Amino acid sequence: MIHLIRRRNPLTAALLGLCLVAVGCGAPSVDDAIAELQASYNGGSYEAVVSEAPALAKRCNSEGAGELKAWKVEKLGVLSLGKLGKGEDAAKELDRLDGAFSGKVKPELYGEIGGYVTDSGNYTEAITVLDAGAKKYPEKSALFTPFIDSCKTAATQAGDSAAIEKLKSLGYL
């Protein structure tokens, strides 16, 4: 088609070509970018999710994509921190998200992330997440008991003296 236009008007052909290139090279839609982020998470590319989530969350807000989409992005980011064993960072992020997304951060999310951090072998930082959740939601403290017990067992078996000391200082041992 462009070759037919080029014969009649080369300037029109050039403009049409530029338009086609511009449309094809644009950034993916917010929905496509979220799907790519989810695929990265599902594929275990947690570092990529942690690095890409903040910009995508800002983009969700700036393009008016809605709170649910922004929350999904933020949640993938904080879950990825847990999968990477970064409990201190995850606890800070959960606190920030609780202020930004009122009612979205639930005690179960603290437990899930604390479990991921425990699974990563970073028991001291797992305790940080689990203790933060238990203190934030004292009425749901029973929810944290199995996660804390699992972390205690793993830290004791691993001989992680720093984690054991932290558990003692917080009254879990």
Protein backbone atom coordinates (compact mmCIF):
# COMPACT_ATOMS: atom_id res chain seq x y z
CA MET A 1 0.00 0.00 0.00
CA ILE A 2 2.82 2.42 0.88
CA HIS A 3 4.45 1.79 -2.49
CA LEU A 4 1.21 2.92 -4.21
CA ILE A 5 1.08 6.08 -2.12
CA ARG A 6 4.80 6.71 -2.72
CA ARG A 7 4.20 6.89 -6.47
CA ARG A 8 1.50 9.53 -6.07
CA ASN A 9 2.90 11.55 -3.17
CA PRO A 10 6.23 10.70 -1.52
CA LEU A 11 5.57 13.04 1.43
CA THR A 12 2.31 11.27 2.26
CA ALA A 13 4.09 7.92 2.07
CA ALA A 14 6.79 9.14 4.47
CA LEU A 15 4.23 10.49 6.95
CA LEU A 16 2.21 7.29 6.79
CA GLY A 17 5.38 5.27 7.39
CA LEU A 18 6.30 7.39 10.42
CA CYS A 19 2.80 6.98 11.83
CA LEU A 20 2.96 3.23 11.44
CA VAL A 21 6.35 3.12 13.14
CA ALA A 22 5.15 5.37 15.98
CA VAL A 23 2.11 3.20 16.61
CA GLY A 24 4.17 0.01 16.55
CA CYS A 25 6.94 1.30 18.83
CA GLY A 26 4.85 2.82 21.59
CA ALA A 27 4.95 1.66 25.17
CA PRO A 28 2.65 -1.25 25.96
CA SER A 29 -0.71 -0.41 27.45
CA VAL A 30 -0.97 -0.40 31.24
CA ASP A 31 -2.87 -3.68 31.07
CA ASP A 32 -0.18 -5.26 28.88
CA ALA A 33 2.57 -3.94 31.18
CA ILE A 34 0.78 -5.41 34.22
CA ALA A 35 0.42 -8.74 32.39
CA GLU A 36 4.17 -8.66 31.64
CA LEU A 37 4.93 -7.89 35.30
CA GLN A 38 2.70 -10.79 36.40
CA ALA A 39 4.47 -13.07 33.92
CA SER A 40 7.84 -11.99 35.36
CA TYR A 41 6.59 -12.78 38.86
CA ASN A 42 5.17 -16.14 37.77
CA GLY A 43 8.47 -16.93 36.08
CA GLY A 44 10.49 -16.18 39.21
CA SER A 45 12.07 -12.95 37.93
CA TYR A 46 11.56 -11.24 41.28
CA GLU A 47 14.42 -8.75 40.90
CA ALA A 48 12.84 -7.53 37.65
CA VAL A 49 9.46 -7.14 39.34
CA VAL A 50 10.98 -5.18 42.24
CA SER A 51 12.78 -2.90 39.81
CA GLU A 52 9.84 -2.36 37.41
CA ALA A 53 6.90 -2.16 39.83
CA PRO A 54 7.45 1.38 41.18
CA ALA A 55 7.47 3.01 37.72
CA LEU A 56 4.48 0.97 36.59
CA ALA A 57 2.55 1.88 39.76
CA LYS A 58 3.26 5.57 39.07
CA ARG A 59 2.14 5.05 35.50
CA CYS A 60 -1.11 3.45 36.69
CA ASN A 61 -1.77 6.54 38.79
CA SER A 62 -0.75 9.09 36.16
CA GLU A 63 -2.80 7.42 33.41
CA GLY A 64 -5.84 6.97 35.64
CA ALA A 65 -5.77 3.18 35.38
CA GLY A 66 -7.45 2.87 38.75
CA GLU A 67 -6.56 1.87 42.27
CA LEU A 68 -7.08 -1.86 41.69
CA LYS A 69 -4.47 -1.96 38.93
CA ALA A 70 -2.02 0.13 40.95
CA TRP A 71 -2.61 -2.16 43.95
CA LYS A 72 -1.94 -5.27 41.84
CA VAL A 73 1.39 -3.80 40.73
CA GLU A 74 2.37 -2.77 44.26
CA LYS A 75 1.36 -6.15 45.66
CA LEU A 76 3.49 -7.98 43.09
CA GLY A 77 6.41 -5.77 44.11
CA VAL A 78 6.09 -6.48 47.83
CA LEU A 79 5.51 -10.21 47.25
CA SER A 80 8.69 -10.24 45.18
CA LEU A 81 10.60 -8.65 48.05
CA GLY A 82 9.41 -11.54 50.20
CA LYS A 83 10.44 -14.13 47.61
CA LEU A 84 13.89 -12.51 47.53
CA GLY A 85 14.18 -12.77 51.32
CA LYS A 86 14.15 -9.00 51.81
CA GLY A 87 11.97 -8.89 54.90
CA GLU A 88 13.11 -5.50 56.19
CA ASP A 89 12.27 -3.89 52.85
CA ALA A 90 8.99 -5.79 52.64
CA ALA A 91 7.93 -4.65 56.13
CA LYS A 92 8.64 -1.01 55.24
CA GLU A 93 6.76 -1.40 51.96
CA LEU A 94 3.76 -3.00 53.69
CA ASP A 95 3.62 -0.07 56.09
CA ARG A 96 3.76 2.40 53.18
CA LEU A 97 1.13 0.49 51.22
CA ASP A 98 -1.20 0.37 54.21
CA GLY A 99 -1.24 4.17 54.15
CA ALA A 100 -1.56 4.43 50.38
CA PHE A 101 -4.16 1.68 49.91
CA SER A 102 -6.38 1.80 52.94
CA GLY A 103 -7.93 -1.56 53.68
CA LYS A 104 -5.95 -3.50 51.05
CA VAL A 105 -3.08 -4.65 53.27
CA LYS A 106 -4.42 -7.56 55.31
CA PRO A 107 -2.80 -9.62 58.07
CA GLU A 108 -2.68 -12.58 55.68
CA LEU A 109 -0.34 -10.63 53.40
CA TYR A 110 2.12 -10.16 56.26
CA GLY A 111 1.92 -13.89 56.95
CA GLU A 112 2.39 -14.82 53.30
CA ILE A 113 5.41 -12.57 52.89
CA GLY A 114 6.88 -13.67 56.22
CA GLY A 115 6.53 -17.25 55.00
CA TYR A 116 8.35 -16.43 51.78
CA VAL A 117 11.17 -14.75 53.68
CA THR A 118 11.40 -17.78 56.00
CA ASP A 119 11.54 -20.06 52.95
CA SER A 120 14.42 -17.96 51.59
CA GLY A 121 16.43 -18.72 54.73
CA ASN A 122 16.56 -15.15 55.99
CA TYR A 123 15.03 -15.89 59.39
CA THR A 124 15.94 -12.62 61.08
CA GLU A 125 14.13 -10.60 58.44
CA ALA A 126 11.22 -13.06 58.37
CA ILE A 127 10.75 -12.36 62.06
CA THR A 128 10.70 -8.63 61.27
CA VAL A 129 7.77 -9.06 58.86
CA LEU A 130 5.86 -11.48 61.06
CA ASP A 131 6.34 -9.41 64.21
CA ALA A 132 5.24 -6.25 62.37
CA GLY A 133 2.08 -8.03 61.27
CA ALA A 134 1.38 -9.44 64.73
CA LYS A 135 1.78 -5.98 66.27
CA LYS A 136 -0.30 -4.25 63.62
CA TYR A 137 -3.10 -6.81 63.92
CA PRO A 138 -3.08 -8.03 67.54
CA GLU A 139 -6.62 -9.34 67.16
CA LYS A 140 -5.30 -11.69 64.45
CA SER A 141 -2.20 -12.82 66.36
CA ALA A 142 -3.27 -16.47 66.05
CA LEU A 143 -2.80 -16.15 62.30
CA PHE A 144 0.91 -15.45 62.80
CA THR A 145 1.56 -18.27 65.28
CA PRO A 146 2.19 -21.02 62.68
CA PHE A 147 4.44 -18.72 60.62
CA ILE A 148 6.44 -17.69 63.69
CA ASP A 149 6.66 -21.31 64.87
CA SER A 150 7.91 -22.37 61.44
CA CYS A 151 10.51 -19.61 61.51
CA LYS A 152 11.57 -20.61 65.05
CA THR A 153 12.02 -24.22 64.00
CA ALA A 154 13.95 -23.33 60.85
CA ALA A 155 16.19 -20.82 62.64
CA THR A 156 16.93 -23.29 65.44
CA GLN A 157 17.74 -26.11 62.98
CA ALA A 158 19.96 -23.77 60.98
CA GLY A 159 21.71 -22.55 64.12
CA ASP A 160 20.93 -18.94 63.18
CA SER A 161 21.98 -17.23 66.41
CA ALA A 162 20.91 -13.75 65.25
CA ALA A 163 17.38 -14.97 64.48
CA ILE A 164 17.19 -16.89 67.76
CA GLU A 165 18.33 -13.79 69.66
CA LYS A 166 15.73 -11.67 67.87
CA LEU A 167 13.01 -14.20 68.68
CA LYS A 168 14.07 -14.08 72.35
CA SER A 169 14.17 -10.28 72.45
CA LEU A 170 10.64 -10.10 71.02
CA GLY A 171 9.32 -12.69 73.47
CA TYR A 172 8.76 -15.53 71.00
CA LEU A 173 11.31 -17.79 72.74
